């Protein structure tokens, strides 16, 4: 999957909160939009999601965390298999590619 951030930003409405943003991204990306973690930053809760672009490579990467065997990443393909979307509790959006 090729993510065109310009196109996403142009289609994206202004979100009032995390729930609105999550629903919009879930409609856009379906099962390829996955919650990974959450944290607090500057007094706001922030949720970190992955948009999976290459499911096979991404799955292998995620499975490596559960394996007792240390895996070595030898190319950038692993990190190119997903993009991170940060959604704050007030609906602010940030992308990491």
PDB file of N, CA and C in Angstrom:
ATOM      1  N   UNK A   1       0.851  -1.166   0.000  1.00  0.00           N
ATOM      2  CA  UNK A   1       0.000   0.000   0.000  1.00  0.00           C
ATOM      3  C   UNK A   1       0.903   1.237   0.000  1.00  0.00           C
ATOM      4  N   UNK A   2       0.565   2.181  -0.839  1.00  0.00           N
ATOM      5  CA  UNK A   2       1.291   3.447  -0.894  1.00  0.00           C
ATOM      6  C   UNK A   2       0.446   4.507  -0.197  1.00  0.00           C
ATOM      7  N   UNK A   3       1.015   5.124   0.836  1.00  0.00           N
ATOM      8  CA  UNK A   3       0.284   6.163   1.562  1.00  0.00           C
ATOM      9  C   UNK A   3       0.604   7.527   0.975  1.00  0.00           C
ATOM     10  N   UNK A   4      -0.408   8.195   0.495  1.00  0.00           N
ATOM     11  CA  UNK A   4      -0.253   9.547  -0.032  1.00  0.00           C
ATOM     12  C   UNK A   4      -0.752  10.509   1.047  1.00  0.00           C
ATOM     13  N   UNK A   5       0.196  11.050   1.825  1.00  0.00           N
ATOM     14  CA  UNK A   5      -0.181  11.901   2.953  1.00  0.00           C
ATOM     15  C   UNK A   5      -0.934  13.146   2.524  1.00  0.00           C
ATOM     16  N   UNK A   6      -0.560  13.716   1.390  1.00  0.00           N
ATOM     17  CA  UNK A   6      -1.259  14.908   0.904  1.00  0.00           C
ATOM     18  C   UNK A   6      -2.726  14.594   0.676  1.00  0.00           C
ATOM     19  N   UNK A   7      -2.994  13.478   0.041  1.00  0.00           N
ATOM     20  CA  UNK A   7      -4.368  13.070  -0.225  1.00  0.00           C
ATOM     21  C   UNK A   7      -5.134  12.809   1.073  1.00  0.00           C
ATOM     22  N   UNK A   8      -4.471  12.173   2.020  1.00  0.00           N
ATOM     23  CA  UNK A   8      -5.120  11.893   3.305  1.00  0.00           C
ATOM     24  C   UNK A   8      -5.470  13.195   4.012  1.00  0.00           C
ATOM     25  N   UNK A   9      -4.514  14.118   4.069  1.00  0.00           N
ATOM     26  CA  UNK A   9      -4.771  15.408   4.728  1.00  0.00           C
ATOM     27  C   UNK A   9      -5.895  16.182   4.054  1.00  0.00           C
ATOM     28  N   UNK A  10      -5.960  16.117   2.728  1.00  0.00           N
ATOM     29  CA  UNK A  10      -7.016  16.839   2.001  1.00  0.00           C
ATOM     30  C   UNK A  10      -8.398  16.267   2.293  1.00  0.00           C
ATOM     31  N   UNK A  11      -8.494  14.970   2.498  1.00  0.00           N
ATOM     32  CA  UNK A  11      -9.779  14.320   2.769  1.00  0.00           C
ATOM     33  C   UNK A  11     -10.162  14.359   4.244  1.00  0.00           C
ATOM     34  N   UNK A  12      -9.181  14.530   5.114  1.00  0.00           N
ATOM     35  CA  UNK A  12      -9.387  14.427   6.544  1.00  0.00           C
ATOM     36  C   UNK A  12     -10.156  15.634   7.097  1.00  0.00           C
ATOM     37  N   UNK A  13     -11.238  15.399   7.805  1.00  0.00           N
ATOM     38  CA  UNK A  13     -11.968  16.514   8.433  1.00  0.00           C
ATOM     39  C   UNK A  13     -11.235  16.983   9.691  1.00  0.00           C
ATOM     40  N   UNK A  14     -11.705  18.072  10.288  1.00  0.00           N
ATOM     41  CA  UNK A  14     -11.202  18.492  11.596  1.00  0.00           C
ATOM     42  C   UNK A  14     -11.891  17.622  12.638  1.00  0.00           C
ATOM     43  N   UNK A  15     -11.106  16.955  13.439  1.00  0.00           N
ATOM     44  CA  UNK A  15     -11.666  16.060  14.445  1.00  0.00           C
ATOM     45  C   UNK A  15     -11.814  16.784  15.774  1.00  0.00           C
ATOM     46  N   UNK A  16     -12.894  16.477  16.480  1.00  0.00           N
ATOM     47  CA  UNK A  16     -13.143  17.083  17.784  1.00  0.00           C
ATOM     48  C   UNK A  16     -12.493  16.294  18.914  1.00  0.00           C
ATOM     49  N   UNK A  17     -12.243  14.999  18.648  1.00  0.00           N
ATOM     50  CA  UNK A  17     -11.660  14.148  19.689  1.00  0.00           C
ATOM     51  C   UNK A  17     -11.050  12.888  19.076  1.00  0.00           C
ATOM     52  N   UNK A  18     -10.435  12.114  19.931  1.00  0.00           N
ATOM     53  CA  UNK A  18      -9.786  10.874  19.506  1.00  0.00           C
ATOM     54  C   UNK A  18     -10.768   9.909  18.850  1.00  0.00           C
ATOM     55  N   UNK A  19     -11.941   9.780  19.423  1.00  0.00           N
ATOM     56  CA  UNK A  19     -12.923   8.825  18.909  1.00  0.00           C
ATOM     57  C   UNK A  19     -13.312   9.134  17.463  1.00  0.00           C
ATOM     58  N   UNK A  20     -13.560  10.419  17.161  1.00  0.00           N
ATOM     59  CA  UNK A  20     -13.899  10.806  15.781  1.00  0.00           C
ATOM     60  C   UNK A  20     -12.760  10.463  14.824  1.00  0.00           C
ATOM     61  N   UNK A  21     -11.551  10.788  15.228  1.00  0.00           N
ATOM     62  CA  UNK A  21     -10.394  10.524  14.367  1.00  0.00           C
ATOM     63  C   UNK A  21     -10.205   9.025  14.159  1.00  0.00           C
ATOM     64  N   UNK A  22     -10.300   8.257  15.240  1.00  0.00           N
ATOM     65  CA  UNK A  22     -10.136   6.806  15.143  1.00  0.00           C
ATOM     66  C   UNK A  22     -11.154   6.216  14.172  1.00  0.00           C
ATOM     67  N   UNK A  23     -12.394   6.627  14.294  1.00  0.00           N
ATOM     68  CA  UNK A  23     -13.442   6.104  13.400  1.00  0.00           C
ATOM     69  C   UNK A  23     -13.150   6.439  11.946  1.00  0.00           C
ATOM     70  N   UNK A  24     -12.695   7.652  11.664  1.00  0.00           N
ATOM     71  CA  UNK A  24     -12.405   8.059  10.292  1.00  0.00           C
ATOM     72  C   UNK A  24     -11.270   7.210   9.721  1.00  0.00           C
ATOM     73  N   UNK A  25     -10.203   7.044  10.481  1.00  0.00           N
ATOM     74  CA  UNK A  25      -9.072   6.238  10.005  1.00  0.00           C
ATOM     75  C   UNK A  25      -9.464   4.775   9.851  1.00  0.00           C
ATOM     76  N   UNK A  26     -10.310   4.279  10.744  1.00  0.00           N
ATOM     77  CA  UNK A  26     -10.770   2.892  10.646  1.00  0.00           C
ATOM     78  C   UNK A  26     -11.584   2.696   9.363  1.00  0.00           C
ATOM     79  N   UNK A  27     -12.401   3.689   9.006  1.00  0.00           N
ATOM     80  CA  UNK A  27     -13.159   3.597   7.750  1.00  0.00           C
ATOM     81  C   UNK A  27     -12.223   3.639   6.548  1.00  0.00           C
ATOM     82  N   UNK A  28     -11.196   4.466   6.616  1.00  0.00           N
ATOM     83  CA  UNK A  28     -10.239   4.605   5.513  1.00  0.00           C
ATOM     84  C   UNK A  28      -9.376   3.356   5.323  1.00  0.00           C
ATOM     85  N   UNK A  29      -8.915   2.763   6.424  1.00  0.00           N
ATOM     86  CA  UNK A  29      -7.905   1.710   6.343  1.00  0.00           C
ATOM     87  C   UNK A  29      -8.350   0.353   6.869  1.00  0.00           C
ATOM     88  N   UNK A  30      -9.532   0.268   7.431  1.00  0.00           N
ATOM     89  CA  UNK A  30     -10.075  -1.011   7.886  1.00  0.00           C
ATOM     90  C   UNK A  30      -9.156  -1.742   8.850  1.00  0.00           C
ATOM     91  N   UNK A  31      -8.939  -3.021   8.586  1.00  0.00           N
ATOM     92  CA  UNK A  31      -8.122  -3.863   9.459  1.00  0.00           C
ATOM     93  C   UNK A  31      -6.636  -3.529   9.398  1.00  0.00           C
ATOM     94  N   UNK A  32      -6.245  -2.645   8.493  1.00  0.00           N
ATOM     95  CA  UNK A  32      -4.844  -2.229   8.411  1.00  0.00           C
ATOM     96  C   UNK A  32      -4.547  -1.051   9.343  1.00  0.00           C
ATOM     97  N   UNK A  33      -5.507  -0.643  10.144  1.00  0.00           N
ATOM     98  CA  UNK A  33      -5.344   0.442  11.109  1.00  0.00           C
ATOM     99  C   UNK A  33      -5.399  -0.173  12.504  1.00  0.00           C
ATOM    100  N   UNK A  34      -4.240  -0.236  13.185  1.00  0.00           N
ATOM    101  CA  UNK A  34      -4.117  -0.986  14.430  1.00  0.00           C
ATOM    102  C   UNK A  34      -3.602  -0.122  15.576  1.00  0.00           C
ATOM    103  N   UNK A  35      -4.273  -0.186  16.719  1.00  0.00           N
ATOM    104  CA  UNK A  35      -3.798   0.503  17.912  1.00  0.00           C
ATOM    105  C   UNK A  35      -2.581  -0.238  18.442  1.00  0.00           C
ATOM    106  N   UNK A  36      -1.491   0.484  18.684  1.00  0.00           N
ATOM    107  CA  UNK A  36      -0.261  -0.127  19.199  1.00  0.00           C
ATOM    108  C   UNK A  36      -0.008   0.233  20.645  1.00  0.00           C
ATOM    109  N   UNK A  37      -0.263   1.484  21.031  1.00  0.00           N
ATOM    110  CA  UNK A  37      -0.031   1.890  22.419  1.00  0.00           C
ATOM    111  C   UNK A  37      -0.646   3.262  22.662  1.00  0.00           C
ATOM    112  N   UNK A  38      -0.534   3.717  23.894  1.00  0.00           N
ATOM    113  CA  UNK A  38      -0.955   5.072  24.238  1.00  0.00           C
ATOM    114  C   UNK A  38      -0.003   5.591  25.309  1.00  0.00           C
ATOM    115  N   UNK A  39       0.012   6.900  25.450  1.00  0.00           N
ATOM    116  CA  UNK A  39       0.911   7.546  26.400  1.00  0.00           C
ATOM    117  C   UNK A  39       0.338   8.916  26.719  1.00  0.00           C
ATOM    118  N   UNK A  40       0.979   9.619  27.611  1.00  0.00           N
ATOM    119  CA  UNK A  40       0.577  10.986  27.910  1.00  0.00           C
ATOM    120  C   UNK A  40       1.704  11.921  27.505  1.00  0.00           C
ATOM    121  N   UNK A  41       1.339  12.995  26.808  1.00  0.00           N
ATOM    122  CA  UNK A  41       2.314  13.981  26.355  1.00  0.00           C
ATOM    123  C   UNK A  41       1.740  15.371  26.577  1.00  0.00           C
ATOM    124  N   UNK A  42       2.481  16.211  27.276  1.00  0.00           N
ATOM    125  CA  UNK A  42       2.031  17.581  27.576  1.00  0.00           C
ATOM    126  C   UNK A  42       0.642  17.599  28.208  1.00  0.00           C
ATOM    127  N   UNK A  43       0.390  16.638  29.084  1.00  0.00           N
ATOM    128  CA  UNK A  43      -0.882  16.592  29.789  1.00  0.00           C
ATOM    129  C   UNK A  43      -2.049  16.031  28.987  1.00  0.00           C
ATOM    130  N   UNK A  44      -1.793  15.555  27.766  1.00  0.00           N
ATOM    131  CA  UNK A  44      -2.848  14.974  26.925  1.00  0.00           C
ATOM    132  C   UNK A  44      -2.541  13.514  26.646  1.00  0.00           C
ATOM    133  N   UNK A  45      -3.575  12.709  26.593  1.00  0.00           N
ATOM    134  CA  UNK A  45      -3.411  11.316  26.209  1.00  0.00           C
ATOM    135  C   UNK A  45      -3.228  11.257  24.699  1.00  0.00           C
ATOM    136  N   UNK A  46      -2.250  10.469  24.268  1.00  0.00           N
ATOM    137  CA  UNK A  46      -1.961  10.287  22.845  1.00  0.00           C
ATOM    138  C   UNK A  46      -2.007   8.796  22.536  1.00  0.00           C
ATOM    139  N   UNK A  47      -2.662   8.460  21.433  1.00  0.00           N
ATOM    140  CA  UNK A  47      -2.804   7.081  20.994  1.00  0.00           C
ATOM    141  C   UNK A  47      -1.956   6.880  19.742  1.00  0.00           C
ATOM    142  N   UNK A  48      -1.213   5.775  19.709  1.00  0.00           N
ATOM    143  CA  UNK A  48      -0.316   5.482  18.591  1.00  0.00           C
ATOM    144  C   UNK A  48      -0.876   4.295  17.808  1.00  0.00           C
ATOM    145  N   UNK A  49      -1.120   4.538  16.535  1.00  0.00           N
ATOM    146  CA  UNK A  49      -1.660   3.517  15.643  1.00  0.00           C
ATOM    147  C   UNK A  49      -0.663   3.230  14.533  1.00  0.00           C
ATOM    148  N   UNK A  50      -0.736   2.024  13.991  1.00  0.00           N
ATOM    149  CA  UNK A  50       0.023   1.688  12.784  1.00  0.00           C
ATOM    150  C   UNK A  50      -0.960   1.514  11.641  1.00  0.00           C
ATOM    151  N   UNK A  51      -0.606   2.086  10.490  1.00  0.00           N
ATOM    152  CA  UNK A  51      -1.301   1.802   9.237  1.00  0.00           C
ATOM    153  C   UNK A  51      -0.384   0.839   8.505  1.00  0.00           C
ATOM    154  N   UNK A  52      -0.833  -0.389   8.336  1.00  0.00           N
ATOM    155  CA  UNK A  52      -0.010  -1.441   7.748  1.00  0.00           C
ATOM    156  C   UNK A  52      -0.017  -1.306   6.232  1.00  0.00           C
ATOM    157  N   UNK A  53       1.187  -1.204   5.668  1.00  0.00           N
ATOM    158  CA  UNK A  53       1.327  -1.062   4.212  1.00  0.00           C
ATOM    159  C   UNK A  53       1.762  -2.370   3.573  1.00  0.00           C
ATOM    160  N   UNK A  54       2.499  -3.210   4.289  1.00  0.00           N
ATOM    161  CA  UNK A  54       2.958  -4.504   3.780  1.00  0.00           C
ATOM    162  C   UNK A  54       2.679  -5.550   4.870  1.00  0.00           C
ATOM    163  N   UNK A  55       1.497  -6.163   4.834  1.00  0.00           N
ATOM    164  CA  UNK A  55       1.084  -7.062   5.921  1.00  0.00           C
ATOM    165  C   UNK A  55       2.057  -8.209   6.211  1.00  0.00           C
ATOM    166  N   UNK A  56       2.627  -8.797   5.196  1.00  0.00           N
ATOM    167  CA  UNK A  56       3.528  -9.936   5.409  1.00  0.00           C
ATOM    168  C   UNK A  56       4.771  -9.516   6.199  1.00  0.00           C
ATOM    169  N   UNK A  57       5.421  -8.450   5.777  1.00  0.00           N
ATOM    170  CA  UNK A  57       6.626  -7.971   6.456  1.00  0.00           C
ATOM    171  C   UNK A  57       6.268  -7.470   7.855  1.00  0.00           C
ATOM    172  N   UNK A  58       5.171  -6.751   7.971  1.00  0.00           N
ATOM    173  CA  UNK A  58       4.741  -6.222   9.266  1.00  0.00           C
ATOM    174  C   UNK A  58       4.466  -7.357  10.249  1.00  0.00           C
ATOM    175  N   UNK A  59       3.783  -8.400   9.809  1.00  0.00           N
ATOM    176  CA  UNK A  59       3.456  -9.537  10.675  1.00  0.00           C
ATOM    177  C   UNK A  59       4.727 -10.201  11.191  1.00  0.00           C
ATOM    178  N   UNK A  60       5.702 -10.388  10.323  1.00  0.00           N
ATOM    179  CA  UNK A  60       6.973 -10.984  10.742  1.00  0.00           C
ATOM    180  C   UNK A  60       7.662 -10.107  11.785  1.00  0.00           C
ATOM    181  N   UNK A  61       7.625  -8.809  11.566  1.00  0.00           N
ATOM    182  CA  UNK A  61       8.225  -7.866  12.499  1.00  0.00           C
ATOM    183  C   UNK A  61       7.545  -7.944  13.868  1.00  0.00           C
ATOM    184  N   UNK A  62       6.216  -7.935  13.893  1.00  0.00           N
ATOM    185  CA  UNK A  62       5.490  -7.996  15.155  1.00  0.00           C
ATOM    186  C   UNK A  62       5.722  -9.336  15.865  1.00  0.00           C
ATOM    187  N   UNK A  63       5.775 -10.422  15.103  1.00  0.00           N
ATOM    188  CA  UNK A  63       6.017 -11.735  15.695  1.00  0.00           C
ATOM    189  C   UNK A  63       7.415 -11.827  16.302  1.00  0.00           C
ATOM    190  N   UNK A  64       8.354 -11.081  15.759  1.00  0.00           N
ATOM    191  CA  UNK A  64       9.726 -11.132  16.282  1.00  0.00           C
ATOM    192  C   UNK A  64       9.796 -10.619  17.716  1.00  0.00           C
ATOM    193  N   UNK A  65       8.874  -9.749  18.113  1.00  0.00           N
ATOM    194  CA  UNK A  65       8.864  -9.251  19.488  1.00  0.00           C
ATOM    195  C   UNK A  65       8.487 -10.340  20.486  1.00  0.00           C
ATOM    196  N   UNK A  66       7.705 -11.305  20.040  1.00  0.00           N
ATOM    197  CA  UNK A  66       7.253 -12.379  20.920  1.00  0.00           C
ATOM    198  C   UNK A  66       8.231 -13.550  20.954  1.00  0.00           C
ATOM    199  N   UNK A  67       9.203 -13.533  20.075  1.00  0.00           N
ATOM    200  CA  UNK A  67      10.152 -14.642  19.960  1.00  0.00           C
ATOM    201  C   UNK A  67      11.324 -14.459  20.923  1.00  0.00           C
ATOM    202  N   UNK A  68      11.734 -15.541  21.579  1.00  0.00           N
ATOM    203  CA  UNK A  68      12.901 -15.449  22.455  1.00  0.00           C
ATOM    204  C   UNK A  68      14.215 -15.311  21.664  1.00  0.00           C
ATOM    205  N   UNK A  69      14.159 -15.621  20.381  1.00  0.00           N
ATOM    206  CA  UNK A  69      15.333 -15.518  19.525  1.00  0.00           C
ATOM    207  C   UNK A  69      15.483 -14.077  19.059  1.00  0.00           C
ATOM    208  N   UNK A  70      16.665 -13.528  19.207  1.00  0.00           N
ATOM    209  CA  UNK A  70      16.902 -12.154  18.783  1.00  0.00           C
ATOM    210  C   UNK A  70      16.941 -12.096  17.258  1.00  0.00           C
ATOM    211  N   UNK A  71      16.187 -11.159  16.683  1.00  0.00           N
ATOM    212  CA  UNK A  71      16.137 -10.990  15.239  1.00  0.00           C
ATOM    213  C   UNK A  71      16.897  -9.730  14.864  1.00  0.00           C
ATOM    214  N   UNK A  72      17.619  -9.825  13.789  1.00  0.00           N
ATOM    215  CA  UNK A  72      18.368  -8.676  13.310  1.00  0.00           C
ATOM    216  C   UNK A  72      17.664  -8.084  12.098  1.00  0.00           C
ATOM    217  N   UNK A  73      17.439  -6.787  12.119  1.00  0.00           N
ATOM    218  CA  UNK A  73      16.818  -6.110  10.986  1.00  0.00           C
ATOM    219  C   UNK A  73      17.934  -5.712  10.034  1.00  0.00           C
ATOM    220  N   UNK A  74      17.838  -6.197   8.799  1.00  0.00           N
ATOM    221  CA  UNK A  74      18.932  -6.000   7.846  1.00  0.00           C
ATOM    222  C   UNK A  74      18.601  -5.033   6.718  1.00  0.00           C
ATOM    223  N   UNK A  75      17.349  -4.564   6.670  1.00  0.00           N
ATOM    224  CA  UNK A  75      16.996  -3.581   5.637  1.00  0.00           C
ATOM    225  C   UNK A  75      15.846  -2.708   6.131  1.00  0.00           C
ATOM    226  N   UNK A  76      15.585  -1.655   5.402  1.00  0.00           N
ATOM    227  CA  UNK A  76      14.548  -0.700   5.796  1.00  0.00           C
ATOM    228  C   UNK A  76      13.137  -1.195   5.495  1.00  0.00           C
ATOM    229  N   UNK A  77      12.997  -2.294   4.788  1.00  0.00           N
ATOM    230  CA  UNK A  77      11.677  -2.817   4.441  1.00  0.00           C
ATOM    231  C   UNK A  77      10.787  -3.020   5.647  1.00  0.00           C
ATOM    232  N   UNK A  78      11.388  -3.425   6.757  1.00  0.00           N
ATOM    233  CA  UNK A  78      10.618  -3.630   7.982  1.00  0.00           C
ATOM    234  C   UNK A  78       9.927  -2.334   8.402  1.00  0.00           C
ATOM    235  N   UNK A  79      10.685  -1.251   8.406  1.00  0.00           N
ATOM    236  CA  UNK A  79      10.124   0.027   8.853  1.00  0.00           C
ATOM    237  C   UNK A  79       9.244   0.676   7.785  1.00  0.00           C
ATOM    238  N   UNK A  80       9.394   0.255   6.558  1.00  0.00           N
ATOM    239  CA  UNK A  80       8.546   0.755   5.480  1.00  0.00           C
ATOM    240  C   UNK A  80       7.236  -0.012   5.397  1.00  0.00           C
ATOM    241  N   UNK A  81       7.084  -1.058   6.204  1.00  0.00           N
ATOM    242  CA  UNK A  81       5.876  -1.886   6.149  1.00  0.00           C
ATOM    243  C   UNK A  81       4.689  -1.247   6.870  1.00  0.00           C
ATOM    244  N   UNK A  82       4.932  -0.131   7.573  1.00  0.00           N
ATOM    245  CA  UNK A  82       3.845   0.552   8.275  1.00  0.00           C
ATOM    246  C   UNK A  82       4.183   2.029   8.446  1.00  0.00           C
ATOM    247  N   UNK A  83       3.162   2.805   8.733  1.00  0.00           N
ATOM    248  CA  UNK A  83       3.314   4.203   9.126  1.00  0.00           C
ATOM    249  C   UNK A  83       2.610   4.369  10.461  1.00  0.00           C
ATOM    250  N   UNK A  84       3.115   5.308  11.263  1.00  0.00           N
ATOM    251  CA  UNK A  84       2.518   5.562  12.565  1.00  0.00           C
ATOM    252  C   UNK A  84       1.641   6.807  12.497  1.00  0.00           C
ATOM    253  N   UNK A  85       0.447   6.700  13.064  1.00  0.00           N
ATOM    254  CA  UNK A  85      -0.464   7.830  13.195  1.00  0.00           C
ATOM    255  C   UNK A  85      -0.651   8.073  14.687  1.00  0.00           C
ATOM    256  N   UNK A  86      -0.359   9.281  15.117  1.00  0.00           N
ATOM    257  CA  UNK A  86      -0.575   9.670  16.508  1.00  0.00           C
ATOM    258  C   UNK A  86      -1.853  10.495  16.561  1.00  0.00           C
ATOM    259  N   UNK A  87      -2.753  10.103  17.453  1.00  0.00           N
ATOM    260  CA  UNK A  87      -4.011  10.836  17.630  1.00  0.00           C
ATOM    261  C   UNK A  87      -4.116  11.251  19.096  1.00  0.00           C
ATOM    262  N   UNK A  88      -4.205  12.549  19.336  1.00  0.00           N
ATOM    263  CA  UNK A  88      -4.349  13.019  20.715  1.00  0.00           C
ATOM    264  C   UNK A  88      -5.813  12.974  21.119  1.00  0.00           C
ATOM    265  N   UNK A  89      -6.049  13.057  22.420  1.00  0.00           N
ATOM    266  CA  UNK A  89      -7.414  12.953  22.927  1.00  0.00           C
ATOM    267  C   UNK A  89      -8.317  14.060  22.393  1.00  0.00           C
ATOM    268  N   UNK A  90      -7.716  15.199  21.972  1.00  0.00           N
ATOM    269  CA  UNK A  90      -8.517  16.297  21.421  1.00  0.00           C
ATOM    270  C   UNK A  90      -8.635  16.241  19.890  1.00  0.00           C
ATOM    271  N   UNK A  91      -8.181  15.137  19.271  1.00  0.00           N
ATOM    272  CA  UNK A  91      -8.341  14.935  17.842  1.00  0.00           C
ATOM    273  C   UNK A  91      -7.185  15.425  16.994  1.00  0.00           C
ATOM    274  N   UNK A  92      -6.096  15.891  17.611  1.00  0.00           N
ATOM    275  CA  UNK A  92      -4.924  16.297  16.846  1.00  0.00           C
ATOM    276  C   UNK A  92      -4.255  15.082  16.212  1.00  0.00           C
ATOM    277  N   UNK A  93      -3.728  15.280  14.989  1.00  0.00           N
ATOM    278  CA  UNK A  93      -3.140  14.183  14.217  1.00  0.00           C
ATOM    279  C   UNK A  93      -1.700  14.486  13.888  1.00  0.00           C
ATOM    280  N   UNK A  94      -0.857  13.449  13.957  1.00  0.00           N
ATOM    281  CA  UNK A  94       0.529  13.549  13.522  1.00  0.00           C
ATOM    282  C   UNK A  94       0.889  12.233  12.842  1.00  0.00           C
ATOM    283  N   UNK A  95       1.606  12.305  11.713  1.00  0.00           N
ATOM    284  CA  UNK A  95       2.033  11.118  10.986  1.00  0.00           C
ATOM    285  C   UNK A  95       3.534  10.923  11.099  1.00  0.00           C
ATOM    286  N   UNK A  96       3.957   9.687  11.172  1.00  0.00           N
ATOM    287  CA  UNK A  96       5.368   9.321  11.052  1.00  0.00           C
ATOM    288  C   UNK A  96       5.454   8.276   9.952  1.00  0.00           C
ATOM    289  N   UNK A  97       6.354   8.507   9.039  1.00  0.00           N
ATOM    290  CA  UNK A  97       6.477   7.539   7.934  1.00  0.00           C
ATOM    291  C   UNK A  97       7.765   6.784   8.052  1.00  0.00           C
TER     292      UNK A  97
END
